[in-house]
Amino acid sequence: MDQKASFCGRFDPSRRPDAPARGFWWTVLIGDEAGASIEFALLAPMFIAVLLAIMNTVLIYLAQEGLESASEQASRLLLTGQIQTFQSYNGATQNTGMTAAQFKSAICGTLSYSASANASTQTSFGGSLLPPFLDCSSLYVNVVPASSFTSSNTTPPTLSVDANGNIVGTSFSVQSGATTQNQVLVVQLLYLWPTVTGPLGMSMGNTPAGNRILTATEVINTEGYPCPPGTVGTC
């Protein structure tokens, strides 16, 4: 065999590589895949935790904005005296002003009451003030008076969560017979927002159940609204 033939033979691209070369590259490829799998197994929990944290943050901000909007509209009902002058009947007994449960139902658009003596129950006080992604069962209302704007305490009340996961410690000062014209009120809507716990135990909840308490606060000075004719007591 001449030199040219020998040269072409050694570098013929159609020849199969010898066994030792094939084993070496196969080991390199398998080793790279195994290393990538190990890296993914180590980094995946942290990556998923970061994604869940971002998702939770976005949803919390969205819920907070919806709660802020609802608190502004609910405060306006108190500002203009619609809650304080609200009249309903329990049989033949007239009641002036909403209770805490009625005010929450008015916010949720589910208020049921009798508009006249011995009348059947009706539901009517406008639609829900909450956006569709907020559920009324997780809403809590806290309304307290203040002597002035400067003395109003806008921090959330001392709250706790009972064994059933409900917020306890809220109050409602605007009840039947309460005098609230030209009065400073601190209006707070609180909401238990569910969060998702990440694979590394990362959670944005601030309750034992993993929920996050959201708070929207408004400080208002009620108008000098007139009491409706036939009001029993003050409004």
Protein backbone atom coordinates (compact mmCIF):
# COMPACT_ATOMS: atom_id res chain seq x y z
CA MET A 1 0.00 0.00 0.00
CA ASP A 2 1.44 3.35 -1.03
CA GLN A 3 1.68 6.33 1.29
CA LYS A 4 -1.41 8.02 -0.16
CA ALA A 5 -3.58 4.97 0.31
CA SER A 6 -2.26 4.50 3.83
CA PHE A 7 -3.06 8.12 4.66
CA CYS A 8 -6.62 7.92 3.30
CA GLY A 9 -7.19 4.64 5.06
CA ARG A 10 -6.29 6.01 8.43
CA PHE A 11 -8.64 8.99 8.07
CA ASP A 12 -11.50 7.36 6.22
CA PRO A 13 -14.67 8.99 7.72
CA SER A 14 -16.71 5.90 6.97
CA ARG A 15 -14.69 3.75 9.37
CA ARG A 16 -16.24 3.08 12.80
CA PRO A 17 -14.28 4.37 15.73
CA ASP A 18 -12.52 1.75 17.74
CA ALA A 19 -14.05 0.38 20.95
CA PRO A 20 -11.96 2.34 23.48
CA ALA A 21 -12.89 5.69 21.85
CA ARG A 22 -16.62 4.81 21.77
CA GLY A 23 -16.59 3.84 25.45
CA PHE A 24 -14.88 7.08 26.46
CA TRP A 25 -17.37 9.40 24.74
CA TRP A 26 -20.33 7.32 25.95
CA THR A 27 -19.08 7.69 29.53
CA VAL A 28 -18.71 11.46 29.08
CA LEU A 29 -22.26 11.81 27.76
CA ILE A 30 -23.79 9.66 30.49
CA GLY A 31 -21.82 11.53 33.11
CA ASP A 32 -23.12 14.91 31.86
CA GLU A 33 -26.74 13.73 31.98
CA ALA A 34 -26.36 12.36 35.49
CA GLY A 35 -24.73 15.59 36.65
CA ALA A 36 -27.53 17.68 35.15
CA SER A 37 -30.14 15.51 36.90
CA ILE A 38 -28.39 15.95 40.24
CA GLU A 39 -28.14 19.73 39.73
CA PHE A 40 -31.83 19.94 38.82
CA ALA A 41 -32.80 17.89 41.89
CA LEU A 42 -30.81 20.29 44.09
CA LEU A 43 -31.99 23.53 42.48
CA ALA A 44 -35.62 22.65 41.63
CA PRO A 45 -37.02 23.17 45.17
CA MET A 46 -35.43 26.61 45.41
CA PHE A 47 -36.61 27.55 41.93
CA ILE A 48 -40.19 26.42 42.66
CA ALA A 49 -40.11 28.26 46.01
CA VAL A 50 -39.11 31.49 44.28
CA LEU A 51 -41.87 31.07 41.66
CA LEU A 52 -44.48 30.47 44.38
CA ALA A 53 -43.23 33.48 46.33
CA ILE A 54 -43.61 35.68 43.24
CA MET A 55 -47.08 34.28 42.55
CA ASN A 56 -48.15 34.77 46.19
CA THR A 57 -46.85 38.35 46.19
CA VAL A 58 -48.74 39.25 43.01
CA LEU A 59 -51.99 37.71 44.29
CA ILE A 60 -51.65 39.40 47.69
CA TYR A 61 -51.18 42.80 46.06
CA LEU A 62 -54.21 42.13 43.83
CA ALA A 63 -56.34 41.14 46.84
CA GLN A 64 -55.11 44.16 48.80
CA GLU A 65 -56.13 46.53 46.01
CA GLY A 66 -59.58 44.93 45.83
CA LEU A 67 -59.99 45.24 49.59
CA GLU A 68 -58.89 48.90 49.52
CA SER A 69 -61.53 49.67 46.89
CA ALA A 70 -64.22 47.93 48.96
CA SER A 71 -63.20 49.81 52.12
CA GLU A 72 -63.49 53.17 50.32
CA GLN A 73 -67.02 52.38 49.16
CA ALA A 74 -68.05 50.95 52.55
CA SER A 75 -66.69 54.04 54.32
CA ARG A 76 -68.74 56.26 52.07
CA LEU A 77 -71.90 54.48 53.24
CA LEU A 78 -70.97 55.47 56.79
CA LEU A 79 -69.82 58.95 55.75
CA THR A 80 -73.18 59.83 54.24
CA GLY A 81 -75.20 58.23 57.05
CA GLN A 82 -76.76 55.48 54.95
CA ILE A 83 -75.74 52.86 57.50
CA GLN A 84 -76.73 54.92 60.55
CA THR A 85 -80.16 55.90 59.17
CA PHE A 86 -80.96 52.47 57.73
CA GLN A 87 -84.40 51.31 58.88
CA SER A 88 -85.64 47.76 59.11
CA TYR A 89 -88.35 45.92 61.00
CA ASN A 90 -88.43 42.86 63.18
CA GLY A 91 -92.11 42.11 63.01
CA ALA A 92 -93.74 45.40 64.10
CA THR A 93 -90.59 46.72 65.83
CA GLN A 94 -88.65 49.36 63.97
CA ASN A 95 -84.86 49.37 64.14
CA THR A 96 -82.66 52.28 63.06
CA GLY A 97 -79.06 51.71 62.04
CA MET A 98 -77.30 48.56 60.91
CA THR A 99 -75.75 45.96 63.13
CA ALA A 100 -72.28 44.60 62.41
CA ALA A 101 -73.77 41.57 60.63
CA GLN A 102 -76.04 43.77 58.49
CA PHE A 103 -73.17 46.09 57.55
CA LYS A 104 -71.05 43.13 56.45
CA SER A 105 -73.99 41.76 54.45
CA ALA A 106 -74.43 45.18 52.82
CA ILE A 107 -70.76 45.13 51.78
CA CYS A 108 -71.21 41.62 50.37
CA GLY A 109 -74.48 42.49 48.63
CA THR A 110 -76.45 39.89 50.59
CA LEU A 111 -78.39 42.06 53.06
CA SER A 112 -81.82 40.64 53.91
CA TYR A 113 -84.32 42.77 55.87
CA SER A 114 -87.95 43.82 56.17
CA ALA A 115 -88.57 47.34 54.87
CA SER A 116 -91.90 47.78 56.64
CA ALA A 117 -93.79 46.41 59.63
CA ASN A 118 -94.64 42.72 59.35
CA ALA A 119 -93.40 42.68 55.75
CA SER A 120 -91.68 39.77 54.08
CA THR A 121 -87.89 39.73 53.91
CA GLN A 122 -86.26 41.36 50.91
CA THR A 123 -82.70 41.66 49.71
CA SER A 124 -81.79 45.06 48.38
CA PHE A 125 -79.00 47.47 49.22
CA GLY A 126 -76.96 47.59 46.06
CA GLY A 127 -74.55 44.98 44.77
CA SER A 128 -71.46 43.56 46.38
CA LEU A 129 -68.61 45.99 47.07
CA LEU A 130 -66.09 43.14 47.00
CA PRO A 131 -64.40 42.09 43.75
CA PRO A 132 -65.34 38.60 42.50
CA PHE A 133 -62.10 37.00 43.73
CA LEU A 134 -62.78 37.95 47.38
CA ASP A 135 -65.16 35.74 49.35
CA CYS A 136 -67.49 37.21 51.96
CA SER A 137 -66.85 34.34 54.40
CA SER A 138 -63.27 35.55 54.84
CA LEU A 139 -64.22 39.21 55.42
CA TYR A 140 -64.24 40.91 58.84
CA VAL A 141 -65.31 44.46 59.71
CA ASN A 142 -63.89 46.71 62.44
CA VAL A 143 -65.39 50.20 63.01
CA VAL A 144 -64.34 52.25 66.03
CA PRO A 145 -64.87 55.96 66.93
CA ALA A 146 -62.11 58.49 67.53
CA SER A 147 -62.22 61.90 69.19
CA SER A 148 -60.30 63.54 66.32
CA PHE A 149 -58.28 62.74 63.21
CA THR A 150 -55.00 63.22 65.06
CA SER A 151 -56.02 60.81 67.83
CA SER A 152 -57.40 58.13 65.52
CA ASN A 153 -55.61 54.81 65.77
CA THR A 154 -55.25 53.29 62.33
CA THR A 155 -53.26 50.25 63.41
CA PRO A 156 -55.20 46.98 63.16
CA PRO A 157 -56.89 45.90 66.39
CA THR A 158 -55.34 43.27 68.60
CA LEU A 159 -56.45 40.23 66.69
CA SER A 160 -56.27 36.53 67.20
CA VAL A 161 -57.42 33.54 65.21
CA ASP A 162 -59.59 30.95 66.94
CA ALA A 163 -59.50 27.18 66.52
CA ASN A 164 -61.81 27.42 63.51
CA GLY A 165 -59.51 29.89 61.75
CA ASN A 166 -61.76 32.93 62.30
CA ILE A 167 -60.53 36.39 63.29
CA VAL A 168 -61.70 37.49 66.74
CA GLY A 169 -61.28 40.91 68.32
CA THR A 170 -63.17 43.16 65.89
CA SER A 171 -65.88 45.61 66.99
CA PHE A 172 -68.61 47.72 65.43
CA SER A 173 -69.58 51.03 67.05
CA VAL A 174 -72.40 52.00 64.67
CA GLN A 175 -75.40 50.23 66.12
CA SER A 176 -79.06 51.03 66.50
CA GLY A 177 -79.50 54.16 68.63
CA ALA A 178 -75.87 55.32 68.36
CA THR A 179 -75.28 59.04 67.68
CA THR A 180 -72.65 59.31 64.96
CA GLN A 181 -73.31 62.59 63.12
CA ASN A 182 -70.12 64.64 62.68
CA GLN A 183 -68.05 61.91 64.27
CA VAL A 184 -64.62 60.60 63.33
CA LEU A 185 -64.68 56.88 62.58
CA VAL A 186 -61.89 54.44 61.80
CA VAL A 187 -63.23 51.91 59.30
CA GLN A 188 -61.24 48.74 58.68
CA LEU A 189 -61.94 45.77 56.46
CA LEU A 190 -59.90 42.69 57.26
CA TYR A 191 -59.57 39.66 55.04
CA LEU A 192 -58.07 36.19 55.49
CA TRP A 193 -56.22 35.56 52.22
CA PRO A 194 -55.05 31.95 51.60
CA THR A 195 -51.41 31.46 50.66
CA VAL A 196 -49.45 28.55 49.21
CA THR A 197 -46.49 27.13 51.13
CA GLY A 198 -43.40 26.47 49.04
CA PRO A 199 -41.36 23.23 48.97
CA LEU A 200 -38.81 24.67 51.41
CA GLY A 201 -41.48 25.73 53.90
CA MET A 202 -41.53 29.29 52.52
CA SER A 203 -44.84 30.93 53.38
CA MET A 204 -46.22 34.48 53.30
CA GLY A 205 -49.00 33.67 55.76
CA ASN A 206 -49.15 35.32 59.18
CA THR A 207 -51.66 33.00 60.86
CA PRO A 208 -51.23 29.42 62.14
CA ALA A 209 -53.39 28.19 59.25
CA GLY A 210 -51.05 29.78 56.70
CA ASN A 211 -53.46 32.56 55.70
CA ARG A 212 -52.44 36.20 55.50
CA ILE A 213 -54.49 38.91 57.23
CA LEU A 214 -55.02 41.84 54.85
CA THR A 215 -56.21 45.17 56.24
CA ALA A 216 -57.67 48.22 54.47
CA THR A 217 -58.23 51.30 56.65
CA GLU A 218 -60.18 54.53 56.12
CA VAL A 219 -60.57 57.44 58.57
CA ILE A 220 -63.70 59.51 57.95
CA ASN A 221 -65.66 62.35 59.54
CA THR A 222 -69.36 61.58 59.13
CA GLU A 223 -71.62 64.24 57.69
CA GLY A 224 -74.41 66.00 59.60
CA TYR A 225 -77.10 63.86 58.02
CA PRO A 226 -80.72 64.13 59.24
CA CYS A 227 -82.48 61.25 60.90
CA PRO A 228 -85.37 59.83 58.83
CA PRO A 229 -88.95 60.65 59.88
CA GLY A 230 -90.32 58.32 62.51
CA THR A 231 -86.88 57.33 63.78
CA VAL A 232 -86.98 55.57 67.12
CA GLY A 233 -84.16 57.08 69.20
CA THR A 234 -81.18 58.84 67.61
CA CYS A 235 -79.33 57.95 64.45
